[in-house]
Amino acid sequence: MRLAAQLITRSLLAAAVLSTVLSMTACSILPKQAPSDVYRLPTVSTVSKPATPAPWSLRVARPKSSETLDSPRIAVIPQGDVISSYKGARWSDPAPVLLRNRLVDAFYRDGRVQSISTDESNLQADIELGGELQAFQSEYRGTAIEVVIRLDARLADDHQRIIASRRFEVHQPVADKQVSAVVTGFGQASDALTTQLVQWTVEQGQRHYAAEPKNQ
């Protein structure tokens, strides 16, 4: 019995030592992942102007997108139809989330629509802003580079009937090929797009509310 116990103990010790050695070997063989710089989407601070609040509520939905854009990677098209991403850099959130949050912030800053929610909540709203994000990347044009954001926006009422739809597209030249300069370009392009989109949404929302006041 004592001999059997000693053999079992020795086997367990050997297994433990082997496991430790294998673990250390694996740690030395596997390459270490390079740290990534995490970027927020820059914005220019603006002060909201006094405005009469719209009598309708708005829900801003995360736009649908391709698998490539629906990720934290900062997309770039270096040539032709090749889609790549910047190494060692990523967004703080997937691109559709970044754009949705930027839109929400833009509506609050604008001040004309004050009853705002997102698709993350179950709150009801008179109008929903959604659509498809078709482009959110930088693109090389020869030696030049520009940021391209393209959104097929869509407004729907509380019965999911389409009120209006429109394509918004912004091209923002970037002076420097450094990632930080490209990120700045994304911020400028996003500001330009949200300015247009906020104005369009308010105009279409007011028109819909005036045309169907009994359904609001």
N, C-alpha and C. Protein backbone atom coordinates (compact mmCIF):
# COMPACT_ATOMS: atom_id res chain seq x y z
N MET A 1 0.82 -1.20 0.00
CA MET A 1 0.00 0.00 0.00
C MET A 1 0.86 1.26 0.00
N ARG A 2 1.92 1.22 0.90
CA ARG A 2 2.79 2.39 0.97
C ARG A 2 3.51 2.63 -0.37
N LEU A 3 3.95 1.51 -1.00
CA LEU A 3 4.63 1.63 -2.28
C LEU A 3 3.71 2.21 -3.35
N ALA A 4 2.47 1.74 -3.34
CA ALA A 4 1.50 2.25 -4.33
C ALA A 4 1.25 3.74 -4.13
N ALA A 5 1.16 4.16 -2.86
CA ALA A 5 0.93 5.58 -2.57
C ALA A 5 2.10 6.43 -3.04
N GLN A 6 3.33 5.90 -2.83
CA GLN A 6 4.52 6.64 -3.26
C GLN A 6 4.56 6.80 -4.78
N LEU A 7 4.16 5.71 -5.49
CA LEU A 7 4.15 5.77 -6.95
C LEU A 7 3.13 6.79 -7.46
N ILE A 8 1.97 6.82 -6.82
CA ILE A 8 0.93 7.78 -7.22
C ILE A 8 1.41 9.20 -6.98
N THR A 9 2.05 9.43 -5.82
CA THR A 9 2.54 10.77 -5.48
C THR A 9 3.59 11.24 -6.48
N ARG A 10 4.52 10.31 -6.83
CA ARG A 10 5.56 10.65 -7.80
C ARG A 10 4.96 10.96 -9.17
N SER A 11 3.93 10.21 -9.55
CA SER A 11 3.28 10.45 -10.85
C SER A 11 2.61 11.82 -10.89
N LEU A 12 1.96 12.17 -9.78
CA LEU A 12 1.30 13.48 -9.71
C LEU A 12 2.31 14.61 -9.77
N LEU A 13 3.44 14.44 -9.07
CA LEU A 13 4.47 15.47 -9.09
C LEU A 13 5.06 15.63 -10.49
N ALA A 14 5.28 14.49 -11.15
CA ALA A 14 5.83 14.55 -12.50
C ALA A 14 4.87 15.24 -13.46
N ALA A 15 3.58 14.95 -13.31
CA ALA A 15 2.58 15.59 -14.17
C ALA A 15 2.53 17.09 -13.94
N ALA A 16 2.66 17.48 -12.67
CA ALA A 16 2.62 18.91 -12.35
C ALA A 16 3.82 19.62 -12.94
N VAL A 17 5.01 18.99 -12.82
CA VAL A 17 6.22 19.59 -13.37
C VAL A 17 6.13 19.71 -14.89
N LEU A 18 5.64 18.65 -15.53
CA LEU A 18 5.50 18.67 -16.99
C LEU A 18 4.54 19.75 -17.44
N SER A 19 3.44 19.90 -16.71
CA SER A 19 2.46 20.93 -17.06
C SER A 19 3.05 22.32 -16.95
N THR A 20 3.86 22.55 -15.90
CA THR A 20 4.50 23.86 -15.71
C THR A 20 5.49 24.16 -16.82
N VAL A 21 6.27 23.12 -17.20
CA VAL A 21 7.26 23.30 -18.27
C VAL A 21 6.59 23.62 -19.59
N LEU A 22 5.51 22.87 -19.90
CA LEU A 22 4.79 23.11 -21.15
C LEU A 22 4.19 24.51 -21.18
N SER A 23 3.65 24.95 -20.04
CA SER A 23 3.05 26.28 -19.96
C SER A 23 4.10 27.35 -20.21
N MET A 24 5.28 27.21 -19.59
CA MET A 24 6.35 28.19 -19.78
C MET A 24 6.85 28.19 -21.21
N THR A 25 6.92 26.98 -21.81
CA THR A 25 7.37 26.88 -23.21
C THR A 25 6.40 27.56 -24.15
N ALA A 26 5.09 27.35 -23.89
CA ALA A 26 4.07 27.97 -24.74
C ALA A 26 4.15 29.48 -24.64
N CYS A 27 4.38 29.98 -23.42
CA CYS A 27 4.45 31.43 -23.23
C CYS A 27 5.64 32.02 -23.99
N SER A 28 6.72 31.26 -24.09
CA SER A 28 7.91 31.79 -24.77
C SER A 28 7.80 31.68 -26.29
N ILE A 29 6.98 30.71 -26.76
CA ILE A 29 6.86 30.50 -28.20
C ILE A 29 5.84 31.44 -28.83
N LEU A 30 4.66 31.59 -28.19
CA LEU A 30 3.59 32.41 -28.75
C LEU A 30 4.02 33.86 -28.84
N PRO A 31 3.78 34.51 -29.97
CA PRO A 31 4.17 35.92 -30.11
C PRO A 31 3.29 36.82 -29.25
N LYS A 32 3.91 37.84 -28.69
CA LYS A 32 3.15 38.80 -27.90
C LYS A 32 2.40 39.75 -28.81
N GLN A 33 1.14 39.99 -28.49
CA GLN A 33 0.31 40.86 -29.32
C GLN A 33 0.68 42.32 -29.05
N ALA A 34 0.94 43.03 -30.11
CA ALA A 34 1.33 44.43 -29.97
C ALA A 34 0.15 45.25 -29.45
N PRO A 35 0.39 46.16 -28.52
CA PRO A 35 -0.71 46.98 -28.00
C PRO A 35 -1.28 47.89 -29.07
N SER A 36 -2.56 48.16 -28.98
CA SER A 36 -3.23 49.02 -29.97
C SER A 36 -3.55 50.37 -29.35
N ASP A 37 -3.44 51.41 -30.16
CA ASP A 37 -3.90 52.74 -29.75
C ASP A 37 -5.40 52.80 -30.00
N VAL A 38 -6.15 53.14 -28.98
CA VAL A 38 -7.60 53.20 -29.08
C VAL A 38 -8.02 54.65 -29.29
N TYR A 39 -8.75 54.90 -30.39
CA TYR A 39 -9.14 56.27 -30.74
C TYR A 39 -10.64 56.48 -30.57
N ARG A 40 -10.98 57.62 -30.02
CA ARG A 40 -12.36 58.09 -30.05
C ARG A 40 -12.58 58.86 -31.35
N LEU A 41 -13.84 59.03 -31.71
CA LEU A 41 -14.16 59.81 -32.91
C LEU A 41 -14.16 61.29 -32.51
N PRO A 42 -13.20 62.09 -33.01
CA PRO A 42 -13.11 63.49 -32.60
C PRO A 42 -14.33 64.30 -33.03
N THR A 43 -14.60 65.35 -32.30
CA THR A 43 -15.70 66.24 -32.65
C THR A 43 -15.33 67.67 -32.29
N VAL A 44 -15.93 68.60 -32.98
CA VAL A 44 -15.73 70.02 -32.68
C VAL A 44 -16.83 70.45 -31.73
N SER A 45 -16.46 71.02 -30.60
CA SER A 45 -17.45 71.45 -29.62
C SER A 45 -18.28 72.60 -30.16
N THR A 46 -19.58 72.45 -30.08
CA THR A 46 -20.49 73.51 -30.52
C THR A 46 -21.49 73.80 -29.41
N VAL A 47 -21.99 75.01 -29.41
CA VAL A 47 -22.98 75.42 -28.41
C VAL A 47 -24.36 75.39 -29.05
N SER A 48 -25.30 74.71 -28.40
CA SER A 48 -26.65 74.62 -28.94
C SER A 48 -27.32 75.99 -28.90
N LYS A 49 -28.10 76.27 -29.93
CA LYS A 49 -28.80 77.55 -30.02
C LYS A 49 -30.23 77.38 -29.50
N PRO A 50 -30.78 78.43 -28.89
CA PRO A 50 -32.16 78.34 -28.42
C PRO A 50 -33.10 78.01 -29.58
N ALA A 51 -33.96 77.04 -29.38
CA ALA A 51 -34.88 76.62 -30.44
C ALA A 51 -36.15 76.09 -29.81
N THR A 52 -37.23 76.21 -30.56
CA THR A 52 -38.50 75.65 -30.10
C THR A 52 -38.44 74.14 -30.21
N PRO A 53 -38.65 73.41 -29.12
CA PRO A 53 -38.54 71.95 -29.17
C PRO A 53 -39.56 71.35 -30.13
N ALA A 54 -39.14 70.35 -30.88
CA ALA A 54 -40.05 69.65 -31.78
C ALA A 54 -41.09 68.88 -30.96
N PRO A 55 -42.33 68.83 -31.43
CA PRO A 55 -43.39 68.13 -30.69
C PRO A 55 -43.38 66.62 -30.89
N TRP A 56 -42.32 66.07 -31.44
CA TRP A 56 -42.23 64.63 -31.67
C TRP A 56 -40.92 64.10 -31.11
N SER A 57 -40.92 62.81 -30.86
CA SER A 57 -39.74 62.16 -30.29
C SER A 57 -38.99 61.38 -31.36
N LEU A 58 -37.70 61.16 -31.11
CA LEU A 58 -36.84 60.53 -32.10
C LEU A 58 -36.02 59.41 -31.46
N ARG A 59 -35.96 58.28 -32.15
CA ARG A 59 -35.06 57.20 -31.76
C ARG A 59 -34.00 57.05 -32.84
N VAL A 60 -32.75 57.08 -32.43
CA VAL A 60 -31.62 56.94 -33.36
C VAL A 60 -31.12 55.51 -33.28
N ALA A 61 -31.23 54.78 -34.38
CA ALA A 61 -30.84 53.37 -34.41
C ALA A 61 -29.43 53.20 -34.97
N ARG A 62 -28.76 52.20 -34.49
CA ARG A 62 -27.45 51.85 -35.02
C ARG A 62 -27.60 51.42 -36.48
N PRO A 63 -26.92 52.08 -37.41
CA PRO A 63 -27.07 51.70 -38.82
C PRO A 63 -26.51 50.31 -39.08
N LYS A 64 -27.12 49.61 -40.01
CA LYS A 64 -26.60 48.31 -40.42
C LYS A 64 -25.37 48.52 -41.29
N SER A 65 -24.50 47.53 -41.31
CA SER A 65 -23.28 47.66 -42.11
C SER A 65 -22.72 46.28 -42.43
N SER A 66 -21.69 46.27 -43.25
CA SER A 66 -21.03 45.01 -43.57
C SER A 66 -20.21 44.55 -42.37
N GLU A 67 -19.81 43.30 -42.41
CA GLU A 67 -18.99 42.74 -41.32
C GLU A 67 -17.67 43.48 -41.19
N THR A 68 -17.14 43.95 -42.30
CA THR A 68 -15.86 44.66 -42.28
C THR A 68 -15.96 45.97 -41.51
N LEU A 69 -17.04 46.70 -41.72
CA LEU A 69 -17.21 47.99 -41.05
C LEU A 69 -17.74 47.84 -39.62
N ASP A 70 -18.45 46.74 -39.37
CA ASP A 70 -19.04 46.54 -38.05
C ASP A 70 -17.99 45.96 -37.10
N SER A 71 -16.92 46.70 -36.90
CA SER A 71 -15.83 46.26 -36.03
C SER A 71 -15.06 47.50 -35.58
N PRO A 72 -14.22 47.36 -34.56
CA PRO A 72 -13.42 48.51 -34.10
C PRO A 72 -12.24 48.84 -35.00
N ARG A 73 -11.98 48.04 -36.01
CA ARG A 73 -10.84 48.31 -36.88
C ARG A 73 -11.06 49.58 -37.70
N ILE A 74 -9.99 50.33 -37.90
CA ILE A 74 -10.05 51.55 -38.71
C ILE A 74 -9.78 51.15 -40.15
N ALA A 75 -10.82 51.14 -40.95
CA ALA A 75 -10.73 50.60 -42.31
C ALA A 75 -10.01 51.57 -43.25
N VAL A 76 -9.27 50.97 -44.21
CA VAL A 76 -8.57 51.74 -45.22
C VAL A 76 -8.57 50.95 -46.52
N ILE A 77 -8.74 51.66 -47.63
CA ILE A 77 -8.65 51.04 -48.96
C ILE A 77 -7.38 51.59 -49.61
N PRO A 78 -6.28 50.84 -49.56
CA PRO A 78 -5.01 51.35 -50.12
C PRO A 78 -5.00 51.40 -51.63
N GLN A 79 -5.71 50.47 -52.26
CA GLN A 79 -5.77 50.44 -53.72
C GLN A 79 -6.90 49.54 -54.18
N GLY A 80 -7.47 49.87 -55.32
CA GLY A 80 -8.50 49.02 -55.93
C GLY A 80 -9.64 48.68 -54.98
N ASP A 81 -9.92 47.38 -54.90
CA ASP A 81 -11.02 46.91 -54.06
C ASP A 81 -10.52 46.21 -52.79
N VAL A 82 -9.26 46.43 -52.45
CA VAL A 82 -8.68 45.81 -51.27
C VAL A 82 -9.04 46.63 -50.03
N ILE A 83 -9.67 45.99 -49.06
CA ILE A 83 -10.02 46.65 -47.81
C ILE A 83 -9.12 46.12 -46.72
N SER A 84 -8.40 47.01 -46.07
CA SER A 84 -7.48 46.63 -45.01
C SER A 84 -7.79 47.46 -43.77
N SER A 85 -6.88 47.46 -42.81
CA SER A 85 -7.06 48.27 -41.61
C SER A 85 -5.70 48.70 -41.10
N TYR A 86 -5.68 49.78 -40.33
CA TYR A 86 -4.43 50.29 -39.79
C TYR A 86 -3.95 49.41 -38.64
N LYS A 87 -2.69 48.99 -38.72
CA LYS A 87 -2.13 48.15 -37.66
C LYS A 87 -1.85 48.97 -36.41
N GLY A 88 -2.10 48.36 -35.27
CA GLY A 88 -1.80 49.02 -34.01
C GLY A 88 -2.74 50.15 -33.65
N ALA A 89 -3.92 50.19 -34.29
CA ALA A 89 -4.88 51.25 -34.01
C ALA A 89 -6.29 50.71 -34.19
N ARG A 90 -7.19 51.18 -33.36
CA ARG A 90 -8.59 50.77 -33.48
C ARG A 90 -9.49 51.84 -32.86
N TRP A 91 -10.78 51.76 -33.21
CA TRP A 91 -11.77 52.66 -32.65
C TRP A 91 -12.17 52.18 -31.25
N SER A 92 -12.74 53.07 -30.48
CA SER A 92 -13.22 52.70 -29.15
C SER A 92 -14.48 51.85 -29.23
N ASP A 93 -15.20 51.92 -30.35
CA ASP A 93 -16.40 51.13 -30.59
C ASP A 93 -16.47 50.80 -32.07
N PRO A 94 -17.29 49.83 -32.48
CA PRO A 94 -17.49 49.59 -33.91
C PRO A 94 -18.00 50.84 -34.61
N ALA A 95 -17.67 51.00 -35.87
CA ALA A 95 -18.02 52.21 -36.62
C ALA A 95 -19.51 52.56 -36.56
N PRO A 96 -20.45 51.60 -36.72
CA PRO A 96 -21.87 51.97 -36.65
C PRO A 96 -22.26 52.57 -35.29
N VAL A 97 -21.64 52.08 -34.22
CA VAL A 97 -21.93 52.62 -32.88
C VAL A 97 -21.36 54.02 -32.75
N LEU A 98 -20.14 54.22 -33.27
CA LEU A 98 -19.53 55.55 -33.23
C LEU A 98 -20.43 56.57 -33.92
N LEU A 99 -20.93 56.21 -35.11
CA LEU A 99 -21.74 57.14 -35.87
C LEU A 99 -23.08 57.39 -35.18
N ARG A 100 -23.71 56.34 -34.65
CA ARG A 100 -24.97 56.54 -33.95
C ARG A 100 -24.79 57.48 -32.75
N ASN A 101 -23.76 57.24 -31.97
CA ASN A 101 -23.53 58.08 -30.79
C ASN A 101 -23.21 59.52 -31.19
N ARG A 102 -22.49 59.69 -32.31
CA ARG A 102 -22.20 61.03 -32.78
C ARG A 102 -23.49 61.74 -33.19
N LEU A 103 -24.41 61.01 -33.82
CA LEU A 103 -25.68 61.59 -34.23
C LEU A 103 -26.50 62.01 -33.02
N VAL A 104 -26.56 61.16 -32.01
CA VAL A 104 -27.30 61.50 -30.80
C VAL A 104 -26.75 62.78 -30.19
N ASP A 105 -25.42 62.86 -30.09
CA ASP A 105 -24.79 64.06 -29.53
C ASP A 105 -25.10 65.28 -30.39
N ALA A 106 -25.11 65.11 -31.71
CA ALA A 106 -25.40 66.23 -32.61
C ALA A 106 -26.82 66.74 -32.43
N PHE A 107 -27.78 65.84 -32.24
CA PHE A 107 -29.17 66.26 -32.03
C PHE A 107 -29.31 67.01 -30.71
N TYR A 108 -28.63 66.55 -29.68
CA TYR A 108 -28.69 67.24 -28.40
C TYR A 108 -28.07 68.63 -28.52
N ARG A 109 -26.95 68.73 -29.21
CA ARG A 109 -26.29 70.02 -29.39
C ARG A 109 -27.16 70.97 -30.23
N ASP A 110 -27.86 70.41 -31.22
CA ASP A 110 -28.72 71.23 -32.07
C ASP A 110 -29.89 71.80 -31.27
N GLY A 111 -30.49 71.01 -30.43
CA GLY A 111 -31.53 71.48 -29.51
C GLY A 111 -32.95 71.46 -30.03
N ARG A 112 -33.14 71.22 -31.33
CA ARG A 112 -34.51 71.26 -31.86
C ARG A 112 -35.30 69.99 -31.56
N VAL A 113 -34.62 68.88 -31.41
CA VAL A 113 -35.26 67.63 -31.00
C VAL A 113 -34.71 67.29 -29.62
N GLN A 114 -35.56 67.27 -28.63
CA GLN A 114 -35.11 67.06 -27.26
C GLN A 114 -35.53 65.72 -26.68
N SER A 115 -36.52 65.08 -27.29
CA SER A 115 -36.94 63.75 -26.82
C SER A 115 -36.23 62.72 -27.68
N ILE A 116 -35.07 62.28 -27.21
CA ILE A 116 -34.20 61.42 -28.01
C ILE A 116 -33.87 60.13 -27.25
N SER A 117 -33.87 59.03 -27.96
CA SER A 117 -33.45 57.74 -27.40
C SER A 117 -32.69 56.98 -28.46
N THR A 118 -32.18 55.81 -28.11
CA THR A 118 -31.47 54.97 -29.07
C THR A 118 -32.12 53.59 -29.12
N ASP A 119 -31.65 52.77 -30.06
CA ASP A 119 -32.20 51.43 -30.20
C ASP A 119 -31.80 50.51 -29.07
N GLU A 120 -30.93 50.96 -28.16
CA GLU A 120 -30.55 50.15 -27.02
C GLU A 120 -31.63 50.12 -25.94
N SER A 121 -32.59 51.03 -26.05
CA SER A 121 -33.69 51.08 -25.09
C SER A 121 -34.97 50.61 -25.76
N ASN A 122 -35.97 50.32 -24.95
CA ASN A 122 -37.28 49.89 -25.49
C ASN A 122 -38.29 51.03 -25.48
N LEU A 123 -37.79 52.25 -25.42
CA LEU A 123 -38.68 53.40 -25.39
C LEU A 123 -39.34 53.61 -26.74
N GLN A 124 -40.61 53.99 -26.72
CA GLN A 124 -41.31 54.28 -27.96
C GLN A 124 -40.94 55.67 -28.46
N ALA A 125 -41.00 55.83 -29.76
CA ALA A 125 -40.70 57.12 -30.37
C ALA A 125 -41.58 57.32 -31.59
N ASP A 126 -41.85 58.58 -31.90
CA ASP A 126 -42.69 58.89 -33.06
C ASP A 126 -41.97 58.60 -34.38
N ILE A 127 -40.66 58.85 -34.38
CA ILE A 127 -39.87 58.68 -35.60
C ILE A 127 -38.57 57.96 -35.27
N GLU A 128 -38.16 57.08 -36.16
CA GLU A 128 -36.86 56.39 -35.99
C GLU A 128 -35.95 56.73 -37.15
N LEU A 129 -34.72 57.06 -36.82
CA LEU A 129 -33.68 57.31 -37.82
C LEU A 129 -32.76 56.11 -37.87
N GLY A 130 -32.69 55.46 -39.03
CA GLY A 130 -31.81 54.31 -39.20
C GLY A 130 -31.23 54.31 -40.60
N GLY A 131 -30.80 53.16 -41.06
CA GLY A 131 -30.28 53.07 -42.42
C GLY A 131 -29.12 52.10 -42.53
N GLU A 132 -28.34 52.25 -43.59
CA GLU A 132 -27.21 51.37 -43.86
C GLU A 132 -25.94 52.20 -44.02
N LEU A 133 -24.94 51.84 -43.26
CA LEU A 133 -23.63 52.50 -43.38
C LEU A 133 -22.85 51.78 -44.48
N GLN A 134 -22.69 52.43 -45.62
CA GLN A 134 -22.06 51.82 -46.78
C GLN A 134 -20.55 52.04 -46.82
N ALA A 135 -20.09 53.10 -46.21
CA ALA A 135 -18.66 53.39 -46.22
C ALA A 135 -18.28 54.15 -44.96
N PHE A 136 -17.17 53.75 -44.36
CA PHE A 136 -16.61 54.46 -43.21
C PHE A 136 -15.13 54.10 -43.18
N GLN A 137 -14.39 54.69 -44.15
CA GLN A 137 -13.00 54.30 -44.33
C GLN A 137 -12.20 55.44 -44.95
N SER A 138 -10.90 55.28 -44.92
CA SER A 138 -10.02 56.18 -45.67
C SER A 138 -9.68 55.50 -46.98
N GLU A 139 -9.47 56.29 -48.03
CA GLU A 139 -9.19 55.75 -49.35
C GLU A 139 -8.03 56.52 -49.98
N TYR A 140 -7.13 55.79 -50.60
CA TYR A 140 -6.01 56.41 -51.30
C TYR A 140 -6.42 56.77 -52.73
N ARG A 141 -6.10 57.99 -53.12
CA ARG A 141 -6.31 58.46 -54.49
C ARG A 141 -4.96 58.84 -55.05
N GLY A 142 -4.23 57.86 -55.57
CA GLY A 142 -2.86 58.12 -55.97
C GLY A 142 -2.01 58.33 -54.74
N THR A 143 -1.41 59.51 -54.63
CA THR A 143 -0.62 59.83 -53.44
C THR A 143 -1.46 60.54 -52.38
N ALA A 144 -2.66 60.93 -52.73
CA ALA A 144 -3.54 61.63 -51.78
C ALA A 144 -4.39 60.62 -51.02
N ILE A 145 -4.95 61.06 -49.92
CA ILE A 145 -5.81 60.20 -49.11
C ILE A 145 -6.99 61.01 -48.61
N GLU A 146 -8.14 60.37 -48.55
CA GLU A 146 -9.34 61.04 -48.06
C GLU A 146 -10.20 60.07 -47.26
N VAL A 147 -10.99 60.63 -46.35
CA VAL A 147 -11.94 59.84 -45.58
C VAL A 147 -13.28 59.87 -46.29
N VAL A 148 -13.91 58.72 -46.41
CA VAL A 148 -15.20 58.62 -47.08
C VAL A 148 -16.22 58.02 -46.10
N ILE A 149 -17.31 58.73 -45.90
CA ILE A 149 -18.43 58.22 -45.09
C ILE A 149 -19.68 58.30 -45.96
N ARG A 150 -20.36 57.18 -46.10
CA ARG A 150 -21.58 57.12 -46.91
C ARG A 150 -22.66 56.40 -46.13
N LEU A 151 -23.78 57.09 -45.94
CA LEU A 151 -24.89 56.54 -45.17
C LEU A 151 -26.18 56.65 -45.95
N ASP A 152 -26.84 55.53 -46.15
CA ASP A 152 -28.18 55.53 -46.74
C ASP A 152 -29.18 55.65 -45.59
N ALA A 153 -29.60 56.88 -45.32
CA ALA A 153 -30.44 57.16 -44.15
C ALA A 153 -31.92 56.91 -44.46
N ARG A 154 -32.63 56.54 -43.41
CA ARG A 154 -34.05 56.25 -43.58
C ARG A 154 -34.81 56.66 -42.32
N LEU A 155 -35.93 57.37 -42.53
CA LEU A 155 -36.82 57.76 -41.43
C LEU A 155 -38.09 56.94 -41.51
N ALA A 156 -38.53 56.41 -40.38
CA ALA A 156 -39.76 55.61 -40.33
C ALA A 156 -40.62 56.09 -39.16
N ASP A 157 -41.94 55.97 -39.31
CA ASP A 157 -42.83 56.38 -38.23
C ASP A 157 -42.97 55.25 -37.22
N ASP A 158 -43.86 55.43 -36.24
CA ASP A 158 -44.01 54.45 -35.17
C ASP A 158 -44.70 53.17 -35.63
N HIS A 159 -45.15 53.15 -36.90
CA HIS A 159 -45.71 51.92 -37.47
C HIS A 159 -44.73 51.29 -38.46
N GLN A 160 -43.47 51.77 -38.42
CA GLN A 160 -42.41 51.27 -39.30
C GLN A 160 -42.69 51.53 -40.78
N ARG A 161 -43.42 52.60 -41.05
CA ARG A 161 -43.63 53.02 -42.43
C ARG A 161 -42.59 54.08 -42.76
N ILE A 162 -41.98 53.94 -43.94
CA ILE A 162 -40.92 54.86 -44.33
C ILE A 162 -41.48 56.25 -44.62
N ILE A 163 -40.92 57.24 -43.96
CA ILE A 163 -41.31 58.63 -44.17
C ILE A 163 -40.46 59.26 -45.27
N ALA A 164 -39.17 59.04 -45.17
CA ALA A 164 -38.23 59.62 -46.15
C ALA A 164 -36.94 58.82 -46.13
N SER A 165 -36.21 58.89 -47.23
CA SER A 165 -34.90 58.24 -47.31
C SER A 165 -34.00 59.07 -48.20
N ARG A 166 -32.71 59.00 -47.90
CA ARG A 166 -31.76 59.80 -48.68
C ARG A 166 -30.34 59.30 -48.42
N ARG A 167 -29.50 59.38 -49.44
CA ARG A 167 -28.09 59.02 -49.29
C ARG A 167 -27.28 60.25 -48.93
N PHE A 168 -26.44 60.12 -47.90
CA PHE A 168 -25.53 61.18 -47.49
C PHE A 168 -24.10 60.66 -47.70
N GLU A 169 -23.27 61.48 -48.32
CA GLU A 169 -21.90 61.07 -48.60
C GLU A 169 -20.96 62.25 -48.42
N VAL A 170 -19.89 62.00 -47.68
CA VAL A 170 -18.91 63.06 -47.39
C VAL A 170 -17.52 62.55 -47.74
N HIS A 171 -16.73 63.39 -48.41
CA HIS A 171 -15.34 63.11 -48.73
C HIS A 171 -14.49 64.17 -48.04
N GLN A 172 -13.62 63.76 -47.15
CA GLN A 172 -12.78 64.70 -46.41
C GLN A 172 -11.31 64.44 -46.70
N PRO A 173 -10.63 65.37 -47.40
CA PRO A 173 -9.19 65.19 -47.66
C PRO A 173 -8.39 65.16 -46.36
N VAL A 174 -7.33 64.35 -46.36
CA VAL A 174 -6.44 64.24 -45.20
C VAL A 174 -5.05 64.68 -45.64
N ALA A 175 -4.47 65.60 -44.89
CA ALA A 175 -3.19 66.17 -45.30
C ALA A 175 -2.01 65.26 -44.99
N ASP A 176 -2.16 64.42 -43.96
CA ASP A 176 -1.05 63.58 -43.50
C ASP A 176 -1.49 62.13 -43.47
N LYS A 177 -0.59 61.21 -43.78
CA LYS A 177 -0.92 59.78 -43.79
C LYS A 177 -0.78 59.12 -42.43
N GLN A 178 -0.36 59.89 -41.44
CA GLN A 178 -0.27 59.35 -40.09
C GLN A 178 -1.68 59.00 -39.57
N VAL A 179 -1.76 57.97 -38.73
CA VAL A 179 -3.07 57.52 -38.24
C VAL A 179 -3.80 58.64 -37.50
N SER A 180 -3.07 59.41 -36.71
CA SER A 180 -3.70 60.50 -35.96
C SER A 180 -4.35 61.52 -36.88
N ALA A 181 -3.71 61.80 -38.02
CA ALA A 181 -4.28 62.74 -38.99
C ALA A 181 -5.51 62.13 -39.66
N VAL A 182 -5.46 60.84 -39.94
CA VAL A 182 -6.61 60.16 -40.53
C VAL A 182 -7.80 60.18 -39.57
N VAL A 183 -7.54 59.95 -38.29
CA VAL A 183 -8.60 59.98 -37.29
C VAL A 183 -9.22 61.38 -37.23
N THR A 184 -8.39 62.41 -37.31
CA THR A 184 -8.91 63.78 -37.35
C THR A 184 -9.82 63.97 -38.57
N GLY A 185 -9.42 63.39 -39.71
CA GLY A 185 -10.24 63.46 -40.90
C GLY A 185 -11.59 62.78 -40.71
N PHE A 186 -11.60 61.66 -40.02
CA PHE A 186 -12.86 60.99 -39.72
C PHE A 186 -13.76 61.89 -38.87
N GLY A 187 -13.16 62.59 -37.92
CA GLY A 187 -13.96 63.50 -37.10
C GLY A 187 -14.57 64.63 -37.91
N GLN A 188 -13.78 65.21 -38.81
CA GLN A 188 -14.29 66.29 -39.65
C GLN A 188 -15.37 65.81 -40.59
N ALA A 189 -15.18 64.63 -41.18
CA ALA A 189 -16.18 64.08 -42.08
C ALA A 189 -17.47 63.75 -41.33
N SER A 190 -17.34 63.22 -40.12
CA SER A 190 -18.52 62.89 -39.32
C SER A 190 -19.29 64.14 -38.93
N ASP A 191 -18.57 65.21 -38.60
CA ASP A 191 -19.24 66.47 -38.27
C ASP A 191 -20.03 67.00 -39.46
N ALA A 192 -19.42 66.93 -40.65
CA ALA A 192 -20.10 67.41 -41.86
C ALA A 192 -21.35 66.58 -42.14
N LEU A 193 -21.23 65.27 -42.00
CA LEU A 193 -22.37 64.40 -42.28
C LEU A 193 -23.49 64.59 -41.27
N THR A 194 -23.15 64.67 -39.99
CA THR A 194 -24.19 64.82 -38.97
C THR A 194 -24.91 66.16 -39.09
N THR A 195 -24.19 67.21 -39.50
CA THR A 195 -24.83 68.51 -39.70
C THR A 195 -25.92 68.41 -40.76
N GLN A 196 -25.59 67.77 -41.88
CA GLN A 196 -26.58 67.60 -42.94
C GLN A 196 -27.74 66.70 -42.50
N LEU A 197 -27.40 65.65 -41.79
CA LEU A 197 -28.40 64.66 -41.40
C LEU A 197 -29.37 65.22 -40.35
N VAL A 198 -28.86 66.00 -39.42
CA VAL A 198 -29.73 66.61 -38.41
C VAL A 198 -30.73 67.55 -39.06
N GLN A 199 -30.24 68.40 -39.98
CA GLN A 199 -31.12 69.34 -40.64
C GLN A 199 -32.21 68.62 -41.44
N TRP A 200 -31.80 67.59 -42.17
CA TRP A 200 -32.75 66.81 -42.98
C TRP A 200 -33.79 66.12 -42.11
N THR A 201 -33.34 65.54 -41.01
CA THR A 201 -34.25 64.82 -40.11
C THR A 201 -35.28 65.77 -39.51
N VAL A 202 -34.82 66.92 -39.06
CA VAL A 202 -35.75 67.90 -38.46
C VAL A 202 -36.77 68.37 -39.49
N GLU A 203 -36.32 68.67 -40.70
CA GLU A 203 -37.24 69.14 -41.74
C GLU A 203 -38.28 68.06 -42.09
N GLN A 204 -37.82 66.83 -42.27
CA GLN A 204 -38.74 65.74 -42.62
C GLN A 204 -39.67 65.40 -41.46
N GLY A 205 -39.15 65.46 -40.25
CA GLY A 205 -39.98 65.18 -39.08
C GLY A 205 -41.07 66.20 -38.89
N GLN A 206 -40.74 67.47 -39.06
CA GLN A 206 -41.73 68.54 -38.93
C GLN A 206 -42.79 68.41 -40.03
N ARG A 207 -42.34 68.10 -41.22
CA ARG A 207 -43.29 67.94 -42.33
C ARG A 207 -44.25 66.78 -42.07
N HIS A 208 -43.72 65.68 -41.57
CA HIS A 208 -44.57 64.52 -41.27
C HIS A 208 -45.54 64.83 -40.14
N TYR A 209 -45.07 65.52 -39.14
CA TYR A 209 -45.94 65.85 -38.00
C TYR A 209 -47.06 66.78 -38.42
N ALA A 210 -46.73 67.75 -39.29
CA ALA A 210 -47.75 68.70 -39.75
C ALA A 210 -48.78 68.02 -40.65
N ALA A 211 -48.32 67.03 -41.42
CA ALA A 211 -49.23 66.37 -42.36
C ALA A 211 -50.15 65.38 -41.66
N GLU A 212 -49.69 64.76 -40.56
CA GLU A 212 -50.49 63.77 -39.86
C GLU A 212 -50.52 64.05 -38.37
N PRO A 213 -51.08 65.20 -37.98
CA PRO A 213 -51.08 65.55 -36.55
C PRO A 213 -51.88 64.59 -35.69
N LYS A 214 -52.91 63.93 -36.27
CA LYS A 214 -53.76 63.05 -35.48
C LYS A 214 -53.06 61.74 -35.16
N ASN A 215 -52.02 61.41 -35.92
CA ASN A 215 -51.34 60.15 -35.68
C ASN A 215 -50.16 60.28 -34.74
N GLN A 216 -49.91 61.49 -34.29
CA GLN A 216 -48.76 61.69 -33.42
C GLN A 216 -49.17 61.50 -31.98
